[in-house]
Amino acid sequence: MDPLNENFLWASLLWGSLGGGVLLFGWRQKSSVPLLGGIALTLLSIFAGGALSMSALSILVLGLMWWVSR
């Protein structure tokens, strides 16, 4: 499987951008849950094996962030 196919690049753009936004939000609000979640999403967009696994893990991270923060 080629990790640099079109689906991987689009998923990486989507989840990396979302992770960067959440990271910036957590940094400015001095809140640890969005900060760590943003770091996790950004790292997932770089190191995940494929587009489907990246999307599944990113949704899991977002769900964990929601569960921890409520």
PDB file of N, CA and C in Angstrom:
ATOM      1  N   MET A   1       0.850  -1.181   0.000  1.00  0.00           N
ATOM      2  CA  MET A   1       0.000   0.000   0.000  1.00  0.00           C
ATOM      3  C   MET A   1       0.893   1.242   0.000  1.00  0.00           C
ATOM      4  N   ASP A   2       0.622   2.129  -0.909  1.00  0.00           N
ATOM      5  CA  ASP A   2       1.371   3.382  -1.012  1.00  0.00           C
ATOM      6  C   ASP A   2       0.765   4.408  -0.059  1.00  0.00           C
ATOM      7  N   PRO A   3       1.515   4.889   0.957  1.00  0.00           N
ATOM      8  CA  PRO A   3       0.931   5.827   1.923  1.00  0.00           C
ATOM      9  C   PRO A   3       0.699   7.217   1.345  1.00  0.00           C
ATOM     10  N   LEU A   4       1.266   7.521   0.199  1.00  0.00           N
ATOM     11  CA  LEU A   4       1.083   8.851  -0.370  1.00  0.00           C
ATOM     12  C   LEU A   4       0.105   8.843  -1.541  1.00  0.00           C
ATOM     13  N   ASN A   5      -0.997   8.139  -1.385  1.00  0.00           N
ATOM     14  CA  ASN A   5      -2.017   8.189  -2.416  1.00  0.00           C
ATOM     15  C   ASN A   5      -2.970   9.353  -2.159  1.00  0.00           C
ATOM     16  N   GLU A   6      -3.903   9.557  -3.039  1.00  0.00           N
ATOM     17  CA  GLU A   6      -4.795  10.726  -2.957  1.00  0.00           C
ATOM     18  C   GLU A   6      -5.660  10.707  -1.702  1.00  0.00           C
ATOM     19  N   ASN A   7      -6.189   9.556  -1.337  1.00  0.00           N
ATOM     20  CA  ASN A   7      -7.048   9.471  -0.147  1.00  0.00           C
ATOM     21  C   ASN A   7      -6.273   9.806   1.125  1.00  0.00           C
ATOM     22  N   PHE A   8      -5.039   9.313   1.227  1.00  0.00           N
ATOM     23  CA  PHE A   8      -4.217   9.604   2.394  1.00  0.00           C
ATOM     24  C   PHE A   8      -3.918  11.097   2.485  1.00  0.00           C
ATOM     25  N   LEU A   9      -3.621  11.725   1.359  1.00  0.00           N
ATOM     26  CA  LEU A   9      -3.301  13.150   1.375  1.00  0.00           C
ATOM     27  C   LEU A   9      -4.507  13.997   1.773  1.00  0.00           C
ATOM     28  N   TRP A  10      -5.695  13.661   1.265  1.00  0.00           N
ATOM     29  CA  TRP A  10      -6.899  14.417   1.638  1.00  0.00           C
ATOM     30  C   TRP A  10      -7.248  14.218   3.104  1.00  0.00           C
ATOM     31  N   ALA A  11      -7.147  12.977   3.585  1.00  0.00           N
ATOM     32  CA  ALA A  11      -7.438  12.710   4.995  1.00  0.00           C
ATOM     33  C   ALA A  11      -6.420  13.411   5.888  1.00  0.00           C
ATOM     34  N   SER A  12      -5.163  13.403   5.484  1.00  0.00           N
ATOM     35  CA  SER A  12      -4.131  14.072   6.256  1.00  0.00           C
ATOM     36  C   SER A  12      -4.360  15.580   6.297  1.00  0.00           C
ATOM     37  N   LEU A  13      -4.787  16.160   5.188  1.00  0.00           N
ATOM     38  CA  LEU A  13      -5.101  17.584   5.158  1.00  0.00           C
ATOM     39  C   LEU A  13      -6.270  17.909   6.090  1.00  0.00           C
ATOM     40  N   LEU A  14      -7.313  17.102   6.037  1.00  0.00           N
ATOM     41  CA  LEU A  14      -8.500  17.333   6.860  1.00  0.00           C
ATOM     42  C   LEU A  14      -8.176  17.206   8.352  1.00  0.00           C
ATOM     43  N   TRP A  15      -7.610  16.074   8.752  1.00  0.00           N
ATOM     44  CA  TRP A  15      -7.381  15.823  10.184  1.00  0.00           C
ATOM     45  C   TRP A  15      -6.220  16.639  10.724  1.00  0.00           C
ATOM     46  N   GLY A  16      -5.231  16.936   9.897  1.00  0.00           N
ATOM     47  CA  GLY A  16      -4.132  17.791  10.330  1.00  0.00           C
ATOM     48  C   GLY A  16      -4.584  19.226  10.550  1.00  0.00           C
ATOM     49  N   SER A  17      -5.450  19.726   9.658  1.00  0.00           N
ATOM     50  CA  SER A  17      -5.978  21.083   9.823  1.00  0.00           C
ATOM     51  C   SER A  17      -6.864  21.178  11.056  1.00  0.00           C
ATOM     52  N   LEU A  18      -7.709  20.177  11.246  1.00  0.00           N
ATOM     53  CA  LEU A  18      -8.563  20.158  12.435  1.00  0.00           C
ATOM     54  C   LEU A  18      -7.715  20.052  13.697  1.00  0.00           C
ATOM     55  N   GLY A  19      -6.690  19.220  13.663  1.00  0.00           N
ATOM     56  CA  GLY A  19      -5.793  19.087  14.811  1.00  0.00           C
ATOM     57  C   GLY A  19      -5.051  20.375  15.104  1.00  0.00           C
ATOM     58  N   GLY A  20      -4.614  21.069  14.071  1.00  0.00           N
ATOM     59  CA  GLY A  20      -3.942  22.346  14.276  1.00  0.00           C
ATOM     60  C   GLY A  20      -4.856  23.385  14.889  1.00  0.00           C
ATOM     61  N   GLY A  21      -6.103  23.408  14.458  1.00  0.00           N
ATOM     62  CA  GLY A  21      -7.066  24.345  15.034  1.00  0.00           C
ATOM     63  C   GLY A  21      -7.369  24.040  16.489  1.00  0.00           C
ATOM     64  N   VAL A  22      -7.553  22.768  16.805  1.00  0.00           N
ATOM     65  CA  VAL A  22      -7.821  22.370  18.189  1.00  0.00           C
ATOM     66  C   VAL A  22      -6.595  22.637  19.060  1.00  0.00           C
ATOM     67  N   LEU A  23      -5.402  22.391  18.518  1.00  0.00           N
ATOM     68  CA  LEU A  23      -4.162  22.674  19.238  1.00  0.00           C
ATOM     69  C   LEU A  23      -4.036  24.158  19.548  1.00  0.00           C
ATOM     70  N   LEU A  24      -4.306  24.989  18.572  1.00  0.00           N
ATOM     71  CA  LEU A  24      -4.238  26.435  18.779  1.00  0.00           C
ATOM     72  C   LEU A  24      -5.278  26.901  19.796  1.00  0.00           C
ATOM     73  N   PHE A  25      -6.488  26.344  19.732  1.00  0.00           N
ATOM     74  CA  PHE A  25      -7.530  26.671  20.703  1.00  0.00           C
ATOM     75  C   PHE A  25      -7.092  26.293  22.115  1.00  0.00           C
ATOM     76  N   GLY A  26      -6.554  25.088  22.278  1.00  0.00           N
ATOM     77  CA  GLY A  26      -6.097  24.652  23.595  1.00  0.00           C
ATOM     78  C   GLY A  26      -4.948  25.483  24.114  1.00  0.00           C
ATOM     79  N   TRP A  27      -4.062  25.912  23.226  1.00  0.00           N
ATOM     80  CA  TRP A  27      -2.927  26.747  23.616  1.00  0.00           C
ATOM     81  C   TRP A  27      -3.407  28.095  24.126  1.00  0.00           C
ATOM     82  N   ARG A  28      -4.320  28.723  23.391  1.00  0.00           N
ATOM     83  CA  ARG A  28      -4.780  30.057  23.775  1.00  0.00           C
ATOM     84  C   ARG A  28      -5.691  30.044  24.998  1.00  0.00           C
ATOM     85  N   GLN A  29      -6.466  28.993  25.176  1.00  0.00           N
ATOM     86  CA  GLN A  29      -7.366  28.904  26.319  1.00  0.00           C
ATOM     87  C   GLN A  29      -6.681  28.311  27.550  1.00  0.00           C
ATOM     88  N   LYS A  30      -5.447  27.875  27.415  1.00  0.00           N
ATOM     89  CA  LYS A  30      -4.689  27.224  28.496  1.00  0.00           C
ATOM     90  C   LYS A  30      -5.449  26.024  29.052  1.00  0.00           C
ATOM     91  N   SER A  31      -5.999  25.222  28.118  1.00  0.00           N
ATOM     92  CA  SER A  31      -6.765  24.037  28.477  1.00  0.00           C
ATOM     93  C   SER A  31      -6.016  22.798  27.986  1.00  0.00           C
ATOM     94  N   SER A  32      -5.827  21.840  28.866  1.00  0.00           N
ATOM     95  CA  SER A  32      -4.989  20.694  28.518  1.00  0.00           C
ATOM     96  C   SER A  32      -5.684  19.679  27.607  1.00  0.00           C
ATOM     97  N   VAL A  33      -6.991  19.497  27.732  1.00  0.00           N
ATOM     98  CA  VAL A  33      -7.675  18.489  26.915  1.00  0.00           C
ATOM     99  C   VAL A  33      -7.613  18.845  25.427  1.00  0.00           C
ATOM    100  N   PRO A  34      -7.995  20.066  25.006  1.00  0.00           N
ATOM    101  CA  PRO A  34      -7.858  20.365  23.577  1.00  0.00           C
ATOM    102  C   PRO A  34      -6.407  20.436  23.109  1.00  0.00           C
ATOM    103  N   LEU A  35      -5.514  20.853  23.994  1.00  0.00           N
ATOM    104  CA  LEU A  35      -4.102  20.924  23.621  1.00  0.00           C
ATOM    105  C   LEU A  35      -3.555  19.534  23.307  1.00  0.00           C
ATOM    106  N   LEU A  36      -3.797  18.592  24.195  1.00  0.00           N
ATOM    107  CA  LEU A  36      -3.318  17.225  23.970  1.00  0.00           C
ATOM    108  C   LEU A  36      -4.058  16.551  22.818  1.00  0.00           C
ATOM    109  N   GLY A  37      -5.349  16.826  22.691  1.00  0.00           N
ATOM    110  CA  GLY A  37      -6.105  16.281  21.564  1.00  0.00           C
ATOM    111  C   GLY A  37      -5.609  16.824  20.236  1.00  0.00           C
ATOM    112  N   GLY A  38      -5.285  18.099  20.191  1.00  0.00           N
ATOM    113  CA  GLY A  38      -4.746  18.691  18.972  1.00  0.00           C
ATOM    114  C   GLY A  38      -3.395  18.110  18.612  1.00  0.00           C
ATOM    115  N   ILE A  39      -2.567  17.874  19.615  1.00  0.00           N
ATOM    116  CA  ILE A  39      -1.267  17.238  19.366  1.00  0.00           C
ATOM    117  C   ILE A  39      -1.475  15.826  18.827  1.00  0.00           C
ATOM    118  N   ALA A  40      -2.413  15.089  19.423  1.00  0.00           N
ATOM    119  CA  ALA A  40      -2.681  13.721  18.971  1.00  0.00           C
ATOM    120  C   ALA A  40      -3.209  13.705  17.534  1.00  0.00           C
ATOM    121  N   LEU A  41      -4.136  14.609  17.210  1.00  0.00           N
ATOM    122  CA  LEU A  41      -4.675  14.653  15.851  1.00  0.00           C
ATOM    123  C   LEU A  41      -3.599  15.033  14.834  1.00  0.00           C
ATOM    124  N   THR A  42      -2.737  15.962  15.203  1.00  0.00           N
ATOM    125  CA  THR A  42      -1.675  16.368  14.293  1.00  0.00           C
ATOM    126  C   THR A  42      -0.688  15.223  14.069  1.00  0.00           C
ATOM    127  N   LEU A  43      -0.329  14.520  15.126  1.00  0.00           N
ATOM    128  CA  LEU A  43       0.589  13.390  14.974  1.00  0.00           C
ATOM    129  C   LEU A  43      -0.047  12.240  14.198  1.00  0.00           C
ATOM    130  N   LEU A  44      -1.342  12.031  14.398  1.00  0.00           N
ATOM    131  CA  LEU A  44      -2.031  10.996  13.626  1.00  0.00           C
ATOM    132  C   LEU A  44      -2.024  11.309  12.141  1.00  0.00           C
ATOM    133  N   SER A  45      -2.166  12.577  11.795  1.00  0.00           N
ATOM    134  CA  SER A  45      -2.186  12.931  10.381  1.00  0.00           C
ATOM    135  C   SER A  45      -0.824  12.733   9.729  1.00  0.00           C
ATOM    136  N   ILE A  46       0.229  12.657  10.527  1.00  0.00           N
ATOM    137  CA  ILE A  46       1.561  12.437   9.977  1.00  0.00           C
ATOM    138  C   ILE A  46       1.909  10.951   9.951  1.00  0.00           C
ATOM    139  N   PHE A  47       1.621  10.232  11.041  1.00  0.00           N
ATOM    140  CA  PHE A  47       2.144   8.886  11.209  1.00  0.00           C
ATOM    141  C   PHE A  47       1.145   7.755  10.991  1.00  0.00           C
ATOM    142  N   ALA A  48      -0.113   8.039  10.698  1.00  0.00           N
ATOM    143  CA  ALA A  48      -1.094   6.965  10.515  1.00  0.00           C
ATOM    144  C   ALA A  48      -0.784   6.191   9.232  1.00  0.00           C
ATOM    145  N   GLY A  49      -1.160   4.927   9.219  1.00  0.00           N
ATOM    146  CA  GLY A  49      -0.814   4.060   8.108  1.00  0.00           C
ATOM    147  C   GLY A  49      -1.619   4.290   6.851  1.00  0.00           C
ATOM    148  N   GLY A  50      -2.882   4.563   6.965  1.00  0.00           N
ATOM    149  CA  GLY A  50      -3.722   4.762   5.795  1.00  0.00           C
ATOM    150  C   GLY A  50      -4.837   5.737   6.098  1.00  0.00           C
ATOM    151  N   ALA A  51      -5.587   6.095   5.078  1.00  0.00           N
ATOM    152  CA  ALA A  51      -6.640   7.093   5.237  1.00  0.00           C
ATOM    153  C   ALA A  51      -7.764   6.594   6.140  1.00  0.00           C
ATOM    154  N   LEU A  52      -8.148   5.336   5.992  1.00  0.00           N
ATOM    155  CA  LEU A  52      -9.245   4.802   6.798  1.00  0.00           C
ATOM    156  C   LEU A  52      -8.848   4.684   8.268  1.00  0.00           C
ATOM    157  N   SER A  53      -7.651   4.179   8.527  1.00  0.00           N
ATOM    158  CA  SER A  53      -7.212   4.064   9.921  1.00  0.00           C
ATOM    159  C   SER A  53      -6.997   5.444  10.544  1.00  0.00           C
ATOM    160  N   MET A  54      -6.502   6.398   9.752  1.00  0.00           N
ATOM    161  CA  MET A  54      -6.325   7.759  10.246  1.00  0.00           C
ATOM    162  C   MET A  54      -7.666   8.374  10.615  1.00  0.00           C
ATOM    163  N   SER A  55      -8.662   8.185   9.771  1.00  0.00           N
ATOM    164  CA  SER A  55      -9.980   8.751  10.043  1.00  0.00           C
ATOM    165  C   SER A  55     -10.618   8.101  11.263  1.00  0.00           C
ATOM    166  N   ALA A  56     -10.499   6.788  11.371  1.00  0.00           N
ATOM    167  CA  ALA A  56     -11.080   6.086  12.524  1.00  0.00           C
ATOM    168  C   ALA A  56     -10.408   6.517  13.827  1.00  0.00           C
ATOM    169  N   LEU A  57      -9.098   6.597  13.836  1.00  0.00           N
ATOM    170  CA  LEU A  57      -8.393   7.007  15.049  1.00  0.00           C
ATOM    171  C   LEU A  57      -8.655   8.473  15.392  1.00  0.00           C
ATOM    172  N   SER A  58      -8.787   9.318  14.383  1.00  0.00           N
ATOM    173  CA  SER A  58      -9.070  10.732  14.637  1.00  0.00           C
ATOM    174  C   SER A  58     -10.458  10.916  15.231  1.00  0.00           C
ATOM    175  N   ILE A  59     -11.422  10.167  14.727  1.00  0.00           N
ATOM    176  CA  ILE A  59     -12.770  10.229  15.296  1.00  0.00           C
ATOM    177  C   ILE A  59     -12.753   9.711  16.731  1.00  0.00           C
ATOM    178  N   LEU A  60     -11.963   8.689  16.990  1.00  0.00           N
ATOM    179  CA  LEU A  60     -11.824   8.164  18.350  1.00  0.00           C
ATOM    180  C   LEU A  60     -11.209   9.210  19.279  1.00  0.00           C
ATOM    181  N   VAL A  61     -10.193   9.913  18.816  1.00  0.00           N
ATOM    182  CA  VAL A  61      -9.558  10.966  19.626  1.00  0.00           C
ATOM    183  C   VAL A  61     -10.556  12.084  19.910  1.00  0.00           C
ATOM    184  N   LEU A  62     -11.325  12.487  18.906  1.00  0.00           N
ATOM    185  CA  LEU A  62     -12.331  13.532  19.121  1.00  0.00           C
ATOM    186  C   LEU A  62     -13.402  13.079  20.118  1.00  0.00           C
ATOM    187  N   GLY A  63     -13.802  11.816  20.035  1.00  0.00           N
ATOM    188  CA  GLY A  63     -14.763  11.280  20.998  1.00  0.00           C
ATOM    189  C   GLY A  63     -14.207  11.233  22.406  1.00  0.00           C
ATOM    190  N   LEU A  64     -12.939  10.856  22.534  1.00  0.00           N
ATOM    191  CA  LEU A  64     -12.309  10.853  23.853  1.00  0.00           C
ATOM    192  C   LEU A  64     -12.186  12.263  24.421  1.00  0.00           C
ATOM    193  N   MET A  65     -11.879  13.225  23.553  1.00  0.00           N
ATOM    194  CA  MET A  65     -11.809  14.613  24.021  1.00  0.00           C
ATOM    195  C   MET A  65     -13.160  15.069  24.538  1.00  0.00           C
ATOM    196  N   TRP A  66     -14.218  14.733  23.823  1.00  0.00           N
ATOM    197  CA  TRP A  66     -15.566  15.115  24.247  1.00  0.00           C
ATOM    198  C   TRP A  66     -15.918  14.430  25.565  1.00  0.00           C
ATOM    199  N   TRP A  67     -15.585  13.136  25.683  1.00  0.00           N
ATOM    200  CA  TRP A  67     -15.935  12.380  26.891  1.00  0.00           C
ATOM    201  C   TRP A  67     -15.177  12.907  28.109  1.00  0.00           C
ATOM    202  N   VAL A  68     -13.897  13.231  27.942  1.00  0.00           N
ATOM    203  CA  VAL A  68     -13.094  13.711  29.073  1.00  0.00           C
ATOM    204  C   VAL A  68     -13.536  15.107  29.487  1.00  0.00           C
ATOM    205  N   SER A  69     -13.927  15.937  28.532  1.00  0.00           N
ATOM    206  CA  SER A  69     -14.241  17.332  28.866  1.00  0.00           C
ATOM    207  C   SER A  69     -15.652  17.541  29.410  1.00  0.00           C
ATOM    208  N   ARG A  70     -16.510  16.538  29.338  1.00  0.00           N
ATOM    209  CA  ARG A  70     -17.866  16.773  29.849  1.00  0.00           C
ATOM    210  C   ARG A  70     -18.010  16.382  31.272  1.00  0.00           C
TER     211      ARG A  70
END
